[in-house]
Amino acid sequence: MSERKAFQEQVPAGSSRRYCYGCGADNPRGLHIKSYWEGDEGVCRWRPEPFHSSGPPDSLNGGVAATLIDCHSVYTAVATAYRLEGREMGQGEPVDYATAKLTVEYKRRTPMNATLELRSRVVKKGNRSMVVETVLLAEGQECVRGEVIAVRVSPEA
């Protein structure tokens, strides 16, 4: 049985996407999120470090939460595009999306002492764009909700 690869691990070496702060595998100071399919949802599990806190040391910084939602949502759009084209990620011509709009709604404090779970669904598909809704959960409770409008761009644009 082959090991399941994260969406981010399927980006070719040398791609600028690999240096993104939130999702880039090659950014030594990045968040290094890893996203996978669970049915029709893109799912990411990530654990914050103490330096990801906001003013109160037991709460996640809101900008970090927004970055998690942004990067995970865009990768869900990329993975969806490959699925729609009947290809495995990384096969053939590269597919890339960029954030056109990010909306974040903070519902409750996000604790630092939990593995966080992000769940994304593509709710609208256009010719060049997708709308992705994402929730950030801690211990099963919704802490942050986001929506990303992701637009297809030329790779390395």
C-alpha atoms as a PDB file:
ATOM      1  CA  MET A   1       0.000   0.000   0.000  1.00  0.00           C
ATOM      2  CA  SER A   2       1.427   3.388  -0.973  1.00  0.00           C
ATOM      3  CA  GLU A   3       1.694   6.208   1.517  1.00  0.00           C
ATOM      4  CA  ARG A   4      -0.806   9.013   1.016  1.00  0.00           C
ATOM      5  CA  LYS A   5       0.860  12.298   0.033  1.00  0.00           C
ATOM      6  CA  ALA A   6      -0.346  15.716   1.152  1.00  0.00           C
ATOM      7  CA  PHE A   7      -1.486  18.137  -1.552  1.00  0.00           C
ATOM      8  CA  GLN A   8       1.528  20.319  -0.728  1.00  0.00           C
ATOM      9  CA  GLU A   9       3.968  17.422  -1.206  1.00  0.00           C
ATOM     10  CA  GLN A  10       2.769  16.962  -4.796  1.00  0.00           C
ATOM     11  CA  VAL A  11       3.987  20.372  -5.971  1.00  0.00           C
ATOM     12  CA  PRO A  12       7.080  19.977  -8.154  1.00  0.00           C
ATOM     13  CA  ALA A  13      10.463  20.914  -6.712  1.00  0.00           C
ATOM     14  CA  GLY A  14      11.506  24.420  -7.727  1.00  0.00           C
ATOM     15  CA  SER A  15       7.932  25.773  -7.779  1.00  0.00           C
ATOM     16  CA  SER A  16       7.568  29.147  -6.038  1.00  0.00           C
ATOM     17  CA  ARG A  17       4.494  27.728  -4.249  1.00  0.00           C
ATOM     18  CA  ARG A  18       6.883  25.594  -2.147  1.00  0.00           C
ATOM     19  CA  TYR A  19       8.092  28.789  -0.375  1.00  0.00           C
ATOM     20  CA  CYS A  20       4.698  30.060   0.799  1.00  0.00           C
ATOM     21  CA  TYR A  21       4.667  30.916   4.514  1.00  0.00           C
ATOM     22  CA  GLY A  22       1.565  28.859   5.268  1.00  0.00           C
ATOM     23  CA  CYS A  23       1.773  25.921   2.903  1.00  0.00           C
ATOM     24  CA  GLY A  24       5.268  25.862   1.459  1.00  0.00           C
ATOM     25  CA  ALA A  25       7.200  22.693   2.194  1.00  0.00           C
ATOM     26  CA  ASP A  26      10.508  24.488   1.532  1.00  0.00           C
ATOM     27  CA  ASN A  27       9.979  27.548   3.773  1.00  0.00           C
ATOM     28  CA  PRO A  28      12.090  26.812   6.874  1.00  0.00           C
ATOM     29  CA  ARG A  29      10.023  29.182   9.061  1.00  0.00           C
ATOM     30  CA  GLY A  30       6.622  28.450   7.565  1.00  0.00           C
ATOM     31  CA  LEU A  31       3.598  26.702   9.037  1.00  0.00           C
ATOM     32  CA  HIS A  32       4.084  23.575   6.868  1.00  0.00           C
ATOM     33  CA  ILE A  33       0.412  22.637   6.702  1.00  0.00           C
ATOM     34  CA  LYS A  34      -0.512  19.360   5.048  1.00  0.00           C
ATOM     35  CA  SER A  35      -3.887  18.888   3.387  1.00  0.00           C
ATOM     36  CA  TYR A  36      -5.552  15.632   2.326  1.00  0.00           C
ATOM     37  CA  TRP A  37      -8.834  14.468   0.856  1.00  0.00           C
ATOM     38  CA  GLU A  38     -11.430  12.988   3.184  1.00  0.00           C
ATOM     39  CA  GLY A  39     -14.291  12.314   0.805  1.00  0.00           C
ATOM     40  CA  ASP A  40     -15.209  15.647  -0.803  1.00  0.00           C
ATOM     41  CA  GLU A  41     -13.540  17.731   1.902  1.00  0.00           C
ATOM     42  CA  GLY A  42      -9.990  18.947   2.046  1.00  0.00           C
ATOM     43  CA  VAL A  43      -8.804  18.306   5.614  1.00  0.00           C
ATOM     44  CA  CYS A  44      -5.741  19.592   7.446  1.00  0.00           C
ATOM     45  CA  ARG A  45      -4.668  18.931  11.019  1.00  0.00           C
ATOM     46  CA  TRP A  46      -2.094  21.280  12.524  1.00  0.00           C
ATOM     47  CA  ARG A  47      -0.753  21.955  15.997  1.00  0.00           C
ATOM     48  CA  PRO A  48       0.320  25.490  16.997  1.00  0.00           C
ATOM     49  CA  GLU A  49       3.593  26.259  18.729  1.00  0.00           C
ATOM     50  CA  PRO A  50       3.880  28.806  21.584  1.00  0.00           C
ATOM     51  CA  PHE A  51       5.140  31.502  19.172  1.00  0.00           C
ATOM     52  CA  HIS A  52       1.830  31.318  17.223  1.00  0.00           C
ATOM     53  CA  SER A  53      -0.085  32.899  20.118  1.00  0.00           C
ATOM     54  CA  SER A  54      -1.908  36.204  20.239  1.00  0.00           C
ATOM     55  CA  GLY A  55      -1.628  38.548  23.250  1.00  0.00           C
ATOM     56  CA  PRO A  56      -2.945  35.879  25.617  1.00  0.00           C
ATOM     57  CA  PRO A  57      -0.455  33.004  25.373  1.00  0.00           C
ATOM     58  CA  ASP A  58      -3.246  30.401  25.357  1.00  0.00           C
ATOM     59  CA  SER A  59      -4.957  31.824  22.208  1.00  0.00           C
ATOM     60  CA  LEU A  60      -3.968  31.459  18.552  1.00  0.00           C
ATOM     61  CA  ASN A  61      -3.069  34.671  16.743  1.00  0.00           C
ATOM     62  CA  GLY A  62      -5.861  35.721  14.370  1.00  0.00           C
ATOM     63  CA  GLY A  63      -3.461  36.306  11.492  1.00  0.00           C
ATOM     64  CA  VAL A  64      -2.128  32.776  11.828  1.00  0.00           C
ATOM     65  CA  ALA A  65      -5.714  31.454  11.778  1.00  0.00           C
ATOM     66  CA  ALA A  66      -6.426  33.488   8.627  1.00  0.00           C
ATOM     67  CA  THR A  67      -3.244  32.162   6.983  1.00  0.00           C
ATOM     68  CA  LEU A  68      -4.242  28.575   7.784  1.00  0.00           C
ATOM     69  CA  ILE A  69      -7.664  29.123   6.207  1.00  0.00           C
ATOM     70  CA  ASP A  70      -6.212  30.918   3.174  1.00  0.00           C
ATOM     71  CA  CYS A  71      -3.553  28.335   2.329  1.00  0.00           C
ATOM     72  CA  HIS A  72      -5.663  25.272   3.032  1.00  0.00           C
ATOM     73  CA  SER A  73      -8.571  26.688   0.991  1.00  0.00           C
ATOM     74  CA  VAL A  74      -6.390  27.488  -2.033  1.00  0.00           C
ATOM     75  CA  TYR A  75      -4.870  24.001  -1.960  1.00  0.00           C
ATOM     76  CA  THR A  76      -8.374  22.534  -1.804  1.00  0.00           C
ATOM     77  CA  ALA A  77      -9.211  24.541  -4.952  1.00  0.00           C
ATOM     78  CA  VAL A  78      -6.043  23.276  -6.697  1.00  0.00           C
ATOM     79  CA  ALA A  79      -6.774  19.655  -5.730  1.00  0.00           C
ATOM     80  CA  THR A  80     -10.389  20.060  -6.892  1.00  0.00           C
ATOM     81  CA  ALA A  81      -9.240  21.363 -10.286  1.00  0.00           C
ATOM     82  CA  TYR A  82      -7.053  18.295 -10.761  1.00  0.00           C
ATOM     83  CA  ARG A  83      -9.994  16.056  -9.799  1.00  0.00           C
ATOM     84  CA  LEU A  84     -12.296  17.842 -12.252  1.00  0.00           C
ATOM     85  CA  GLU A  85      -9.719  17.332 -14.997  1.00  0.00           C
ATOM     86  CA  GLY A  86      -9.439  13.619 -14.134  1.00  0.00           C
ATOM     87  CA  ARG A  87      -5.773  13.876 -13.161  1.00  0.00           C
ATOM     88  CA  GLU A  88      -3.706  13.101 -10.103  1.00  0.00           C
ATOM     89  CA  MET A  89      -2.091  16.144  -8.537  1.00  0.00           C
ATOM     90  CA  GLY A  90       1.199  16.911 -10.220  1.00  0.00           C
ATOM     91  CA  GLN A  91       0.350  15.059 -13.451  1.00  0.00           C
ATOM     92  CA  GLY A  92       0.611  16.972 -16.710  1.00  0.00           C
ATOM     93  CA  GLU A  93       0.408  20.740 -16.949  1.00  0.00           C
ATOM     94  CA  PRO A  94       0.600  22.342 -13.465  1.00  0.00           C
ATOM     95  CA  VAL A  95      -2.561  23.840 -11.957  1.00  0.00           C
ATOM     96  CA  ASP A  96      -2.341  26.866  -9.683  1.00  0.00           C
ATOM     97  CA  TYR A  97      -4.815  29.151  -7.934  1.00  0.00           C
ATOM     98  CA  ALA A  98      -4.341  32.404  -6.038  1.00  0.00           C
ATOM     99  CA  THR A  99      -6.488  34.138  -3.442  1.00  0.00           C
ATOM    100  CA  ALA A 100      -8.706  36.854  -4.919  1.00  0.00           C
ATOM    101  CA  LYS A 101     -10.671  37.413  -1.710  1.00  0.00           C
ATOM    102  CA  LEU A 102     -10.407  36.116   1.843  1.00  0.00           C
ATOM    103  CA  THR A 103     -13.176  36.610   4.384  1.00  0.00           C
ATOM    104  CA  VAL A 104     -12.627  35.476   7.968  1.00  0.00           C
ATOM    105  CA  GLU A 105     -15.134  35.369  10.823  1.00  0.00           C
ATOM    106  CA  TYR A 106     -13.808  34.693  14.309  1.00  0.00           C
ATOM    107  CA  LYS A 107     -16.406  32.777  16.332  1.00  0.00           C
ATOM    108  CA  ARG A 108     -14.501  32.029  19.552  1.00  0.00           C
ATOM    109  CA  ARG A 109     -11.014  31.977  20.972  1.00  0.00           C
ATOM    110  CA  THR A 110      -8.832  29.316  19.332  1.00  0.00           C
ATOM    111  CA  PRO A 111      -6.896  27.420  22.001  1.00  0.00           C
ATOM    112  CA  MET A 112      -3.185  26.759  21.626  1.00  0.00           C
ATOM    113  CA  ASN A 113      -3.158  23.401  23.410  1.00  0.00           C
ATOM    114  CA  ALA A 114      -5.122  21.462  20.773  1.00  0.00           C
ATOM    115  CA  THR A 115      -4.553  19.967  17.361  1.00  0.00           C
ATOM    116  CA  LEU A 116      -6.548  22.214  15.052  1.00  0.00           C
ATOM    117  CA  GLU A 117      -8.598  20.808  12.213  1.00  0.00           C
ATOM    118  CA  LEU A 118      -9.450  22.673   9.016  1.00  0.00           C
ATOM    119  CA  ARG A 119     -12.256  21.367   6.792  1.00  0.00           C
ATOM    120  CA  SER A 120     -12.801  22.864   3.340  1.00  0.00           C
ATOM    121  CA  ARG A 121     -15.457  22.399   0.684  1.00  0.00           C
ATOM    122  CA  VAL A 122     -15.703  23.934  -2.752  1.00  0.00           C
ATOM    123  CA  VAL A 123     -19.205  25.435  -2.832  1.00  0.00           C
ATOM    124  CA  LYS A 124     -19.087  27.122  -6.237  1.00  0.00           C
ATOM    125  CA  LYS A 125     -17.098  26.353  -9.382  1.00  0.00           C
ATOM    126  CA  GLY A 126     -16.698  28.861 -12.198  1.00  0.00           C
ATOM    127  CA  ASN A 127     -14.631  28.875 -15.377  1.00  0.00           C
ATOM    128  CA  ARG A 128     -11.572  30.373 -13.680  1.00  0.00           C
ATOM    129  CA  SER A 129     -12.561  30.590 -10.032  1.00  0.00           C
ATOM    130  CA  MET A 130     -13.822  28.577  -7.087  1.00  0.00           C
ATOM    131  CA  VAL A 131     -15.439  29.589  -3.824  1.00  0.00           C
ATOM    132  CA  VAL A 132     -14.132  27.542  -0.919  1.00  0.00           C
ATOM    133  CA  GLU A 133     -15.690  27.531   2.554  1.00  0.00           C
ATOM    134  CA  THR A 134     -13.471  26.466   5.434  1.00  0.00           C
ATOM    135  CA  VAL A 135     -13.995  25.958   9.148  1.00  0.00           C
ATOM    136  CA  LEU A 136     -11.220  25.838  11.734  1.00  0.00           C
ATOM    137  CA  LEU A 137     -12.114  23.558  14.636  1.00  0.00           C
ATOM    138  CA  ALA A 138     -10.479  22.930  17.998  1.00  0.00           C
ATOM    139  CA  GLU A 139     -11.643  19.876  19.908  1.00  0.00           C
ATOM    140  CA  GLY A 140     -14.708  19.709  17.651  1.00  0.00           C
ATOM    141  CA  GLN A 141     -15.769  23.315  18.267  1.00  0.00           C
ATOM    142  CA  GLU A 142     -15.864  25.857  15.448  1.00  0.00           C
ATOM    143  CA  CYS A 143     -13.491  28.720  16.235  1.00  0.00           C
ATOM    144  CA  VAL A 144     -13.042  30.432  12.869  1.00  0.00           C
ATOM    145  CA  ARG A 145     -14.967  30.327   9.603  1.00  0.00           C
ATOM    146  CA  GLY A 146     -13.572  31.536   6.305  1.00  0.00           C
ATOM    147  CA  GLU A 147     -14.403  31.880   2.667  1.00  0.00           C
ATOM    148  CA  VAL A 148     -11.844  32.144  -0.105  1.00  0.00           C
ATOM    149  CA  ILE A 149     -12.456  33.088  -3.704  1.00  0.00           C
ATOM    150  CA  ALA A 150      -9.606  31.369  -5.512  1.00  0.00           C
ATOM    151  CA  VAL A 151      -8.773  32.321  -9.101  1.00  0.00           C
ATOM    152  CA  ARG A 152      -6.887  30.121 -11.521  1.00  0.00           C
ATOM    153  CA  VAL A 153      -3.563  31.658 -12.542  1.00  0.00           C
ATOM    154  CA  SER A 154      -0.710  30.640 -14.789  1.00  0.00           C
ATOM    155  CA  PRO A 155       1.799  28.542 -12.846  1.00  0.00           C
ATOM    156  CA  GLU A 156       4.710  30.639 -11.572  1.00  0.00           C
ATOM    157  CA  ALA A 157       2.747  33.838 -12.309  1.00  0.00           C
END
